[in-house]
């Protein structure tokens, strides 16, 4: 996980973005409430971060019943993101 943190930092991710991505990666599919609880961010901030990560292709969502779960994409996607950024 330390390697991923360093990669996120070198790519210019905000602390909140890195924290949310790593939490989601570690916990698996999670609701916004669960991510909020484990990251310490506000619900509104969590939604903003999820939108940013989704825009980068590093997070996606799935609908299970009436609940929406967010899941971090495989860390391999970080490589493709880094290449696109260059």
PDB file of N, CA and C in Angstrom:
ATOM      1  N   UNK A   1       0.813  -1.204   0.000  1.00  0.00           N
ATOM      2  CA  UNK A   1       0.000   0.000   0.000  1.00  0.00           C
ATOM      3  C   UNK A   1       0.856   1.267   0.000  1.00  0.00           C
ATOM      4  N   UNK A   2       2.033   1.211   0.629  1.00  0.00           N
ATOM      5  CA  UNK A   2       2.912   2.381   0.665  1.00  0.00           C
ATOM      6  C   UNK A   2       3.325   2.782  -0.747  1.00  0.00           C
ATOM      7  N   UNK A   3       3.565   1.784  -1.621  1.00  0.00           N
ATOM      8  CA  UNK A   3       3.936   2.076  -3.004  1.00  0.00           C
ATOM      9  C   UNK A   3       2.816   2.831  -3.704  1.00  0.00           C
ATOM     10  N   UNK A   4       1.599   2.389  -3.488  1.00  0.00           N
ATOM     11  CA  UNK A   4       0.453   3.037  -4.122  1.00  0.00           C
ATOM     12  C   UNK A   4       0.310   4.460  -3.603  1.00  0.00           C
ATOM     13  N   UNK A   5       0.523   4.650  -2.297  1.00  0.00           N
ATOM     14  CA  UNK A   5       0.449   5.999  -1.725  1.00  0.00           C
ATOM     15  C   UNK A   5       1.468   6.922  -2.383  1.00  0.00           C
ATOM     16  N   UNK A   6       2.682   6.428  -2.588  1.00  0.00           N
ATOM     17  CA  UNK A   6       3.724   7.232  -3.212  1.00  0.00           C
ATOM     18  C   UNK A   6       3.366   7.560  -4.664  1.00  0.00           C
ATOM     19  N   UNK A   7       2.794   6.598  -5.371  1.00  0.00           N
ATOM     20  CA  UNK A   7       2.388   6.835  -6.755  1.00  0.00           C
ATOM     21  C   UNK A   7       1.299   7.903  -6.799  1.00  0.00           C
ATOM     22  N   UNK A   8       0.304   7.766  -5.925  1.00  0.00           N
ATOM     23  CA  UNK A   8      -0.776   8.752  -5.880  1.00  0.00           C
ATOM     24  C   UNK A   8      -0.231  10.143  -5.588  1.00  0.00           C
ATOM     25  N   UNK A   9       0.702  10.218  -4.653  1.00  0.00           N
ATOM     26  CA  UNK A   9       1.316  11.493  -4.293  1.00  0.00           C
ATOM     27  C   UNK A   9       2.088  12.077  -5.478  1.00  0.00           C
ATOM     28  N   UNK A  10       2.850  11.238  -6.161  1.00  0.00           N
ATOM     29  CA  UNK A  10       3.643  11.727  -7.300  1.00  0.00           C
ATOM     30  C   UNK A  10       2.758  12.166  -8.462  1.00  0.00           C
ATOM     31  N   UNK A  11       1.539  11.633  -8.549  1.00  0.00           N
ATOM     32  CA  UNK A  11       0.604  12.021  -9.606  1.00  0.00           C
ATOM     33  C   UNK A  11      -0.204  13.268  -9.232  1.00  0.00           C
ATOM     34  N   UNK A  12       0.047  13.791  -8.027  1.00  0.00           N
ATOM     35  CA  UNK A  12      -0.608  15.024  -7.617  1.00  0.00           C
ATOM     36  C   UNK A  12      -1.994  14.857  -7.015  1.00  0.00           C
ATOM     37  N   UNK A  13      -2.299  13.668  -6.534  1.00  0.00           N
ATOM     38  CA  UNK A  13      -3.596  13.441  -5.905  1.00  0.00           C
ATOM     39  C   UNK A  13      -3.659  14.180  -4.579  1.00  0.00           C
ATOM     40  N   UNK A  14      -4.804  14.741  -4.285  1.00  0.00           N
ATOM     41  CA  UNK A  14      -5.024  15.358  -2.982  1.00  0.00           C
ATOM     42  C   UNK A  14      -5.043  14.267  -1.917  1.00  0.00           C
ATOM     43  N   UNK A  15      -4.781  14.656  -0.682  1.00  0.00           N
ATOM     44  CA  UNK A  15      -4.793  13.703   0.425  1.00  0.00           C
ATOM     45  C   UNK A  15      -6.150  13.012   0.522  1.00  0.00           C
ATOM     46  N   UNK A  16      -7.226  13.774   0.340  1.00  0.00           N
ATOM     47  CA  UNK A  16      -8.573  13.200   0.426  1.00  0.00           C
ATOM     48  C   UNK A  16      -8.822  12.188  -0.694  1.00  0.00           C
ATOM     49  N   UNK A  17      -8.283  12.454  -1.881  1.00  0.00           N
ATOM     50  CA  UNK A  17      -8.444  11.530  -3.006  1.00  0.00           C
ATOM     51  C   UNK A  17      -7.678  10.241  -2.756  1.00  0.00           C
ATOM     52  N   UNK A  18      -6.443  10.380  -2.281  1.00  0.00           N
ATOM     53  CA  UNK A  18      -5.629   9.204  -1.991  1.00  0.00           C
ATOM     54  C   UNK A  18      -6.261   8.370  -0.875  1.00  0.00           C
ATOM     55  N   UNK A  19      -6.726   9.045   0.158  1.00  0.00           N
ATOM     56  CA  UNK A  19      -7.340   8.358   1.297  1.00  0.00           C
ATOM     57  C   UNK A  19      -8.591   7.593   0.867  1.00  0.00           C
ATOM     58  N   UNK A  20      -9.425   8.216   0.051  1.00  0.00           N
ATOM     59  CA  UNK A  20     -10.657   7.572  -0.406  1.00  0.00           C
ATOM     60  C   UNK A  20     -10.346   6.392  -1.317  1.00  0.00           C
ATOM     61  N   UNK A  21      -9.413   6.580  -2.243  1.00  0.00           N
ATOM     62  CA  UNK A  21      -9.040   5.497  -3.162  1.00  0.00           C
ATOM     63  C   UNK A  21      -8.489   4.299  -2.380  1.00  0.00           C
ATOM     64  N   UNK A  22      -7.560   4.557  -1.471  1.00  0.00           N
ATOM     65  CA  UNK A  22      -6.947   3.477  -0.702  1.00  0.00           C
ATOM     66  C   UNK A  22      -7.955   2.777   0.207  1.00  0.00           C
ATOM     67  N   UNK A  23      -8.849   3.543   0.808  1.00  0.00           N
ATOM     68  CA  UNK A  23      -9.889   2.958   1.655  1.00  0.00           C
ATOM     69  C   UNK A  23     -10.796   2.057   0.837  1.00  0.00           C
ATOM     70  N   UNK A  24     -11.211   2.539  -0.313  1.00  0.00           N
ATOM     71  CA  UNK A  24     -12.082   1.747  -1.180  1.00  0.00           C
ATOM     72  C   UNK A  24     -11.357   0.506  -1.698  1.00  0.00           C
ATOM     73  N   UNK A  25     -10.099   0.656  -2.020  1.00  0.00           N
ATOM     74  CA  UNK A  25      -9.298  -0.475  -2.495  1.00  0.00           C
ATOM     75  C   UNK A  25      -9.194  -1.535  -1.406  1.00  0.00           C
ATOM     76  N   UNK A  26      -8.988  -1.106  -0.190  1.00  0.00           N
ATOM     77  CA  UNK A  26      -8.830  -2.021   0.944  1.00  0.00           C
ATOM     78  C   UNK A  26     -10.161  -2.666   1.355  1.00  0.00           C
ATOM     79  N   UNK A  27     -11.236  -1.897   1.375  1.00  0.00           N
ATOM     80  CA  UNK A  27     -12.523  -2.387   1.880  1.00  0.00           C
ATOM     81  C   UNK A  27     -13.390  -3.051   0.817  1.00  0.00           C
ATOM     82  N   UNK A  28     -13.133  -2.755  -0.449  1.00  0.00           N
ATOM     83  CA  UNK A  28     -13.999  -3.280  -1.503  1.00  0.00           C
ATOM     84  C   UNK A  28     -15.210  -2.380  -1.671  1.00  0.00           C
ATOM     85  N   UNK A  29     -16.226  -2.864  -2.381  1.00  0.00           N
ATOM     86  CA  UNK A  29     -17.407  -2.031  -2.635  1.00  0.00           C
ATOM     87  C   UNK A  29     -17.977  -1.452  -1.333  1.00  0.00           C
ATOM     88  N   UNK A  30     -18.134  -0.129  -1.314  1.00  0.00           N
ATOM     89  CA  UNK A  30     -18.590   0.570  -0.109  1.00  0.00           C
ATOM     90  C   UNK A  30     -19.573   1.664  -0.483  1.00  0.00           C
ATOM     91  N   UNK A  31     -20.482   1.940   0.432  1.00  0.00           N
ATOM     92  CA  UNK A  31     -21.400   3.058   0.251  1.00  0.00           C
ATOM     93  C   UNK A  31     -20.672   4.350   0.610  1.00  0.00           C
ATOM     94  N   UNK A  32     -21.265   5.475   0.272  1.00  0.00           N
ATOM     95  CA  UNK A  32     -20.682   6.765   0.630  1.00  0.00           C
ATOM     96  C   UNK A  32     -20.591   6.879   2.145  1.00  0.00           C
ATOM     97  N   UNK A  33     -21.613   6.413   2.839  1.00  0.00           N
ATOM     98  CA  UNK A  33     -21.600   6.467   4.303  1.00  0.00           C
ATOM     99  C   UNK A  33     -20.417   5.682   4.879  1.00  0.00           C
ATOM    100  N   UNK A  34     -20.156   4.502   4.337  1.00  0.00           N
ATOM    101  CA  UNK A  34     -19.028   3.693   4.812  1.00  0.00           C
ATOM    102  C   UNK A  34     -17.703   4.386   4.511  1.00  0.00           C
ATOM    103  N   UNK A  35     -17.571   4.946   3.307  1.00  0.00           N
ATOM    104  CA  UNK A  35     -16.335   5.651   2.964  1.00  0.00           C
ATOM    105  C   UNK A  35     -16.141   6.870   3.852  1.00  0.00           C
ATOM    106  N   UNK A  36     -17.225   7.581   4.118  1.00  0.00           N
ATOM    107  CA  UNK A  36     -17.170   8.743   4.994  1.00  0.00           C
ATOM    108  C   UNK A  36     -16.674   8.351   6.383  1.00  0.00           C
ATOM    109  N   UNK A  37     -17.217   7.275   6.887  1.00  0.00           N
ATOM    110  CA  UNK A  37     -16.858   6.796   8.224  1.00  0.00           C
ATOM    111  C   UNK A  37     -15.377   6.421   8.311  1.00  0.00           C
ATOM    112  N   UNK A  38     -14.863   5.769   7.281  1.00  0.00           N
ATOM    113  CA  UNK A  38     -13.492   5.262   7.337  1.00  0.00           C
ATOM    114  C   UNK A  38     -12.430   6.259   6.882  1.00  0.00           C
ATOM    115  N   UNK A  39     -12.839   7.305   6.165  1.00  0.00           N
ATOM    116  CA  UNK A  39     -11.862   8.311   5.735  1.00  0.00           C
ATOM    117  C   UNK A  39     -11.862   9.543   6.627  1.00  0.00           C
ATOM    118  N   UNK A  40     -12.967   9.764   7.341  1.00  0.00           N
ATOM    119  CA  UNK A  40     -13.072  10.948   8.179  1.00  0.00           C
ATOM    120  C   UNK A  40     -13.484  12.190   7.399  1.00  0.00           C
ATOM    121  N   UNK A  41     -13.808  12.024   6.121  1.00  0.00           N
ATOM    122  CA  UNK A  41     -14.258  13.149   5.300  1.00  0.00           C
ATOM    123  C   UNK A  41     -15.754  13.356   5.496  1.00  0.00           C
ATOM    124  N   UNK A  42     -16.219  14.538   5.142  1.00  0.00           N
ATOM    125  CA  UNK A  42     -17.659  14.788   5.183  1.00  0.00           C
ATOM    126  C   UNK A  42     -18.306  14.051   4.007  1.00  0.00           C
ATOM    127  N   UNK A  43     -19.606  13.881   4.080  1.00  0.00           N
ATOM    128  CA  UNK A  43     -20.317  13.199   2.997  1.00  0.00           C
ATOM    129  C   UNK A  43     -20.188  13.987   1.699  1.00  0.00           C
ATOM    130  N   UNK A  44     -20.329  15.288   1.783  1.00  0.00           N
ATOM    131  CA  UNK A  44     -20.217  16.130   0.598  1.00  0.00           C
ATOM    132  C   UNK A  44     -18.821  16.015  -0.020  1.00  0.00           C
ATOM    133  N   UNK A  45     -17.788  16.060   0.800  1.00  0.00           N
ATOM    134  CA  UNK A  45     -16.414  15.942   0.308  1.00  0.00           C
ATOM    135  C   UNK A  45     -16.191  14.579  -0.331  1.00  0.00           C
ATOM    136  N   UNK A  46     -16.787  13.546   0.256  1.00  0.00           N
ATOM    137  CA  UNK A  46     -16.640  12.201  -0.288  1.00  0.00           C
ATOM    138  C   UNK A  46     -17.249  12.111  -1.682  1.00  0.00           C
ATOM    139  N   UNK A  47     -18.406  12.715  -1.879  1.00  0.00           N
ATOM    140  CA  UNK A  47     -19.025  12.729  -3.209  1.00  0.00           C
ATOM    141  C   UNK A  47     -18.134  13.451  -4.221  1.00  0.00           C
ATOM    142  N   UNK A  48     -17.537  14.564  -3.819  1.00  0.00           N
ATOM    143  CA  UNK A  48     -16.660  15.322  -4.712  1.00  0.00           C
ATOM    144  C   UNK A  48     -15.443  14.489  -5.092  1.00  0.00           C
ATOM    145  N   UNK A  49     -14.859  13.815  -4.110  1.00  0.00           N
ATOM    146  CA  UNK A  49     -13.687  12.978  -4.353  1.00  0.00           C
ATOM    147  C   UNK A  49     -14.053  11.796  -5.262  1.00  0.00           C
ATOM    148  N   UNK A  50     -15.180  11.159  -5.009  1.00  0.00           N
ATOM    149  CA  UNK A  50     -15.612  10.034  -5.842  1.00  0.00           C
ATOM    150  C   UNK A  50     -15.779  10.488  -7.288  1.00  0.00           C
ATOM    151  N   UNK A  51     -16.362  11.657  -7.481  1.00  0.00           N
ATOM    152  CA  UNK A  51     -16.549  12.182  -8.830  1.00  0.00           C
ATOM    153  C   UNK A  51     -15.196  12.409  -9.512  1.00  0.00           C
ATOM    154  N   UNK A  52     -14.240  12.957  -8.779  1.00  0.00           N
ATOM    155  CA  UNK A  52     -12.906  13.196  -9.333  1.00  0.00           C
ATOM    156  C   UNK A  52     -12.222  11.882  -9.703  1.00  0.00           C
ATOM    157  N   UNK A  53     -12.304  10.898  -8.809  1.00  0.00           N
ATOM    158  CA  UNK A  53     -11.668   9.606  -9.068  1.00  0.00           C
ATOM    159  C   UNK A  53     -12.357   8.871 -10.217  1.00  0.00           C
ATOM    160  N   UNK A  54     -13.666   8.994 -10.303  1.00  0.00           N
ATOM    161  CA  UNK A  54     -14.410   8.374 -11.401  1.00  0.00           C
ATOM    162  C   UNK A  54     -14.002   9.008 -12.726  1.00  0.00           C
ATOM    163  N   UNK A  55     -13.832  10.299 -12.724  1.00  0.00           N
ATOM    164  CA  UNK A  55     -13.402  11.008 -13.927  1.00  0.00           C
ATOM    165  C   UNK A  55     -12.025  10.579 -14.403  1.00  0.00           C
ATOM    166  N   UNK A  56     -11.203  10.151 -13.478  1.00  0.00           N
ATOM    167  CA  UNK A  56      -9.860   9.673 -13.821  1.00  0.00           C
ATOM    168  C   UNK A  56      -9.863   8.185 -14.171  1.00  0.00           C
ATOM    169  N   UNK A  57     -11.018   7.548 -14.047  1.00  0.00           N
ATOM    170  CA  UNK A  57     -11.111   6.119 -14.354  1.00  0.00           C
ATOM    171  C   UNK A  57     -10.599   5.225 -13.244  1.00  0.00           C
ATOM    172  N   UNK A  58     -10.529   5.766 -12.021  1.00  0.00           N
ATOM    173  CA  UNK A  58      -9.976   4.997 -10.907  1.00  0.00           C
ATOM    174  C   UNK A  58     -11.026   4.518  -9.917  1.00  0.00           C
ATOM    175  N   UNK A  59     -12.276   4.850 -10.176  1.00  0.00           N
ATOM    176  CA  UNK A  59     -13.355   4.421  -9.298  1.00  0.00           C
ATOM    177  C   UNK A  59     -14.614   4.264 -10.136  1.00  0.00           C
ATOM    178  N   UNK A  60     -15.421   3.297  -9.755  1.00  0.00           N
ATOM    179  CA  UNK A  60     -16.688   3.093 -10.445  1.00  0.00           C
ATOM    180  C   UNK A  60     -17.752   2.754  -9.411  1.00  0.00           C
ATOM    181  N   UNK A  61     -18.988   2.634  -9.888  1.00  0.00           N
ATOM    182  CA  UNK A  61     -20.076   2.341  -8.963  1.00  0.00           C
ATOM    183  C   UNK A  61     -20.914   1.188  -9.498  1.00  0.00           C
ATOM    184  N   UNK A  62     -21.550   0.495  -8.566  1.00  0.00           N
ATOM    185  CA  UNK A  62     -22.479  -0.587  -8.900  1.00  0.00           C
ATOM    186  C   UNK A  62     -23.721  -0.396  -8.047  1.00  0.00           C
ATOM    187  N   UNK A  63     -24.844  -0.752  -8.607  1.00  0.00           N
ATOM    188  CA  UNK A  63     -26.108  -0.641  -7.900  1.00  0.00           C
ATOM    189  C   UNK A  63     -26.507  -2.024  -7.407  1.00  0.00           C
ATOM    190  N   UNK A  64     -26.730  -2.145  -6.119  1.00  0.00           N
ATOM    191  CA  UNK A  64     -27.188  -3.396  -5.509  1.00  0.00           C
ATOM    192  C   UNK A  64     -28.495  -3.085  -4.805  1.00  0.00           C
ATOM    193  N   UNK A  65     -29.575  -3.525  -5.418  1.00  0.00           N
ATOM    194  CA  UNK A  65     -30.879  -3.164  -4.883  1.00  0.00           C
ATOM    195  C   UNK A  65     -31.057  -1.674  -5.041  1.00  0.00           C
ATOM    196  N   UNK A  66     -31.302  -0.991  -3.937  1.00  0.00           N
ATOM    197  CA  UNK A  66     -31.474   0.459  -3.982  1.00  0.00           C
ATOM    198  C   UNK A  66     -30.221   1.215  -3.540  1.00  0.00           C
ATOM    199  N   UNK A  67     -29.179   0.473  -3.166  1.00  0.00           N
ATOM    200  CA  UNK A  67     -27.960   1.114  -2.675  1.00  0.00           C
ATOM    201  C   UNK A  67     -26.900   1.164  -3.766  1.00  0.00           C
ATOM    202  N   UNK A  68     -26.181   2.271  -3.779  1.00  0.00           N
ATOM    203  CA  UNK A  68     -25.083   2.453  -4.716  1.00  0.00           C
ATOM    204  C   UNK A  68     -23.771   2.225  -3.973  1.00  0.00           C
ATOM    205  N   UNK A  69     -22.955   1.356  -4.520  1.00  0.00           N
ATOM    206  CA  UNK A  69     -21.656   1.040  -3.936  1.00  0.00           C
ATOM    207  C   UNK A  69     -20.560   1.551  -4.858  1.00  0.00           C
ATOM    208  N   UNK A  70     -19.518   2.067  -4.266  1.00  0.00           N
ATOM    209  CA  UNK A  70     -18.384   2.581  -5.020  1.00  0.00           C
ATOM    210  C   UNK A  70     -17.195   1.665  -4.788  1.00  0.00           C
ATOM    211  N   UNK A  71     -16.472   1.425  -5.853  1.00  0.00           N
ATOM    212  CA  UNK A  71     -15.341   0.506  -5.769  1.00  0.00           C
ATOM    213  C   UNK A  71     -14.145   1.094  -6.520  1.00  0.00           C
ATOM    214  N   UNK A  72     -12.974   0.947  -5.912  1.00  0.00           N
ATOM    215  CA  UNK A  72     -11.739   1.411  -6.543  1.00  0.00           C
ATOM    216  C   UNK A  72     -11.357   0.434  -7.644  1.00  0.00           C
ATOM    217  N   UNK A  73     -10.918   0.978  -8.758  1.00  0.00           N
ATOM    218  CA  UNK A  73     -10.430   0.140  -9.847  1.00  0.00           C
ATOM    219  C   UNK A  73      -9.058  -0.417  -9.459  1.00  0.00           C
ATOM    220  N   UNK A  74      -8.664  -1.475 -10.137  1.00  0.00           N
ATOM    221  CA  UNK A  74      -7.389  -2.128  -9.890  1.00  0.00           C
ATOM    222  C   UNK A  74      -6.240  -1.110  -9.975  1.00  0.00           C
ATOM    223  N   UNK A  75      -5.245  -1.226  -9.098  1.00  0.00           N
ATOM    224  CA  UNK A  75      -4.112  -0.293  -9.137  1.00  0.00           C
ATOM    225  C   UNK A  75      -3.391  -0.250 -10.489  1.00  0.00           C
ATOM    226  N   UNK A  76      -3.541  -1.276 -11.304  1.00  0.00           N
ATOM    227  CA  UNK A  76      -2.960  -1.263 -12.646  1.00  0.00           C
ATOM    228  C   UNK A  76      -3.476  -0.067 -13.447  1.00  0.00           C
ATOM    229  N   UNK A  77      -4.688   0.381 -13.130  1.00  0.00           N
ATOM    230  CA  UNK A  77      -5.256   1.542 -13.825  1.00  0.00           C
ATOM    231  C   UNK A  77      -4.456   2.806 -13.545  1.00  0.00           C
ATOM    232  N   UNK A  78      -3.739   2.817 -12.410  1.00  0.00           N
ATOM    233  CA  UNK A  78      -2.893   3.971 -12.096  1.00  0.00           C
ATOM    234  C   UNK A  78      -1.822   4.159 -13.171  1.00  0.00           C
ATOM    235  N   UNK A  79      -1.291   3.036 -13.667  1.00  0.00           N
ATOM    236  CA  UNK A  79      -0.275   3.115 -14.702  1.00  0.00           C
ATOM    237  C   UNK A  79      -0.833   3.749 -15.968  1.00  0.00           C
ATOM    238  N   UNK A  80      -2.000   3.301 -16.375  1.00  0.00           N
ATOM    239  CA  UNK A  80      -2.592   3.872 -17.588  1.00  0.00           C
ATOM    240  C   UNK A  80      -2.970   5.341 -17.356  1.00  0.00           C
ATOM    241  N   UNK A  81      -3.397   5.675 -16.148  1.00  0.00           N
ATOM    242  CA  UNK A  81      -3.698   7.068 -15.834  1.00  0.00           C
ATOM    243  C   UNK A  81      -2.430   7.909 -15.919  1.00  0.00           C
ATOM    244  N   UNK A  82      -1.334   7.397 -15.361  1.00  0.00           N
ATOM    245  CA  UNK A  82      -0.064   8.123 -15.389  1.00  0.00           C
ATOM    246  C   UNK A  82       0.398   8.327 -16.824  1.00  0.00           C
ATOM    247  N   UNK A  83       0.233   7.329 -17.654  1.00  0.00           N
ATOM    248  CA  UNK A  83       0.646   7.451 -19.061  1.00  0.00           C
ATOM    249  C   UNK A  83      -0.212   8.473 -19.790  1.00  0.00           C
ATOM    250  N   UNK A  84      -1.514   8.473 -19.532  1.00  0.00           N
ATOM    251  CA  UNK A  84      -2.399   9.451 -20.157  1.00  0.00           C
ATOM    252  C   UNK A  84      -2.054  10.863 -19.711  1.00  0.00           C
ATOM    253  N   UNK A  85      -1.666  10.987 -18.452  1.00  0.00           N
ATOM    254  CA  UNK A  85      -1.356  12.301 -17.896  1.00  0.00           C
ATOM    255  C   UNK A  85      -0.117  12.901 -18.551  1.00  0.00           C
ATOM    256  N   UNK A  86       0.836  12.053 -18.921  1.00  0.00           N
ATOM    257  CA  UNK A  86       2.056  12.524 -19.590  1.00  0.00           C
ATOM    258  C   UNK A  86       1.677  13.000 -20.950  1.00  0.00           C
TER     259      UNK A  86
END
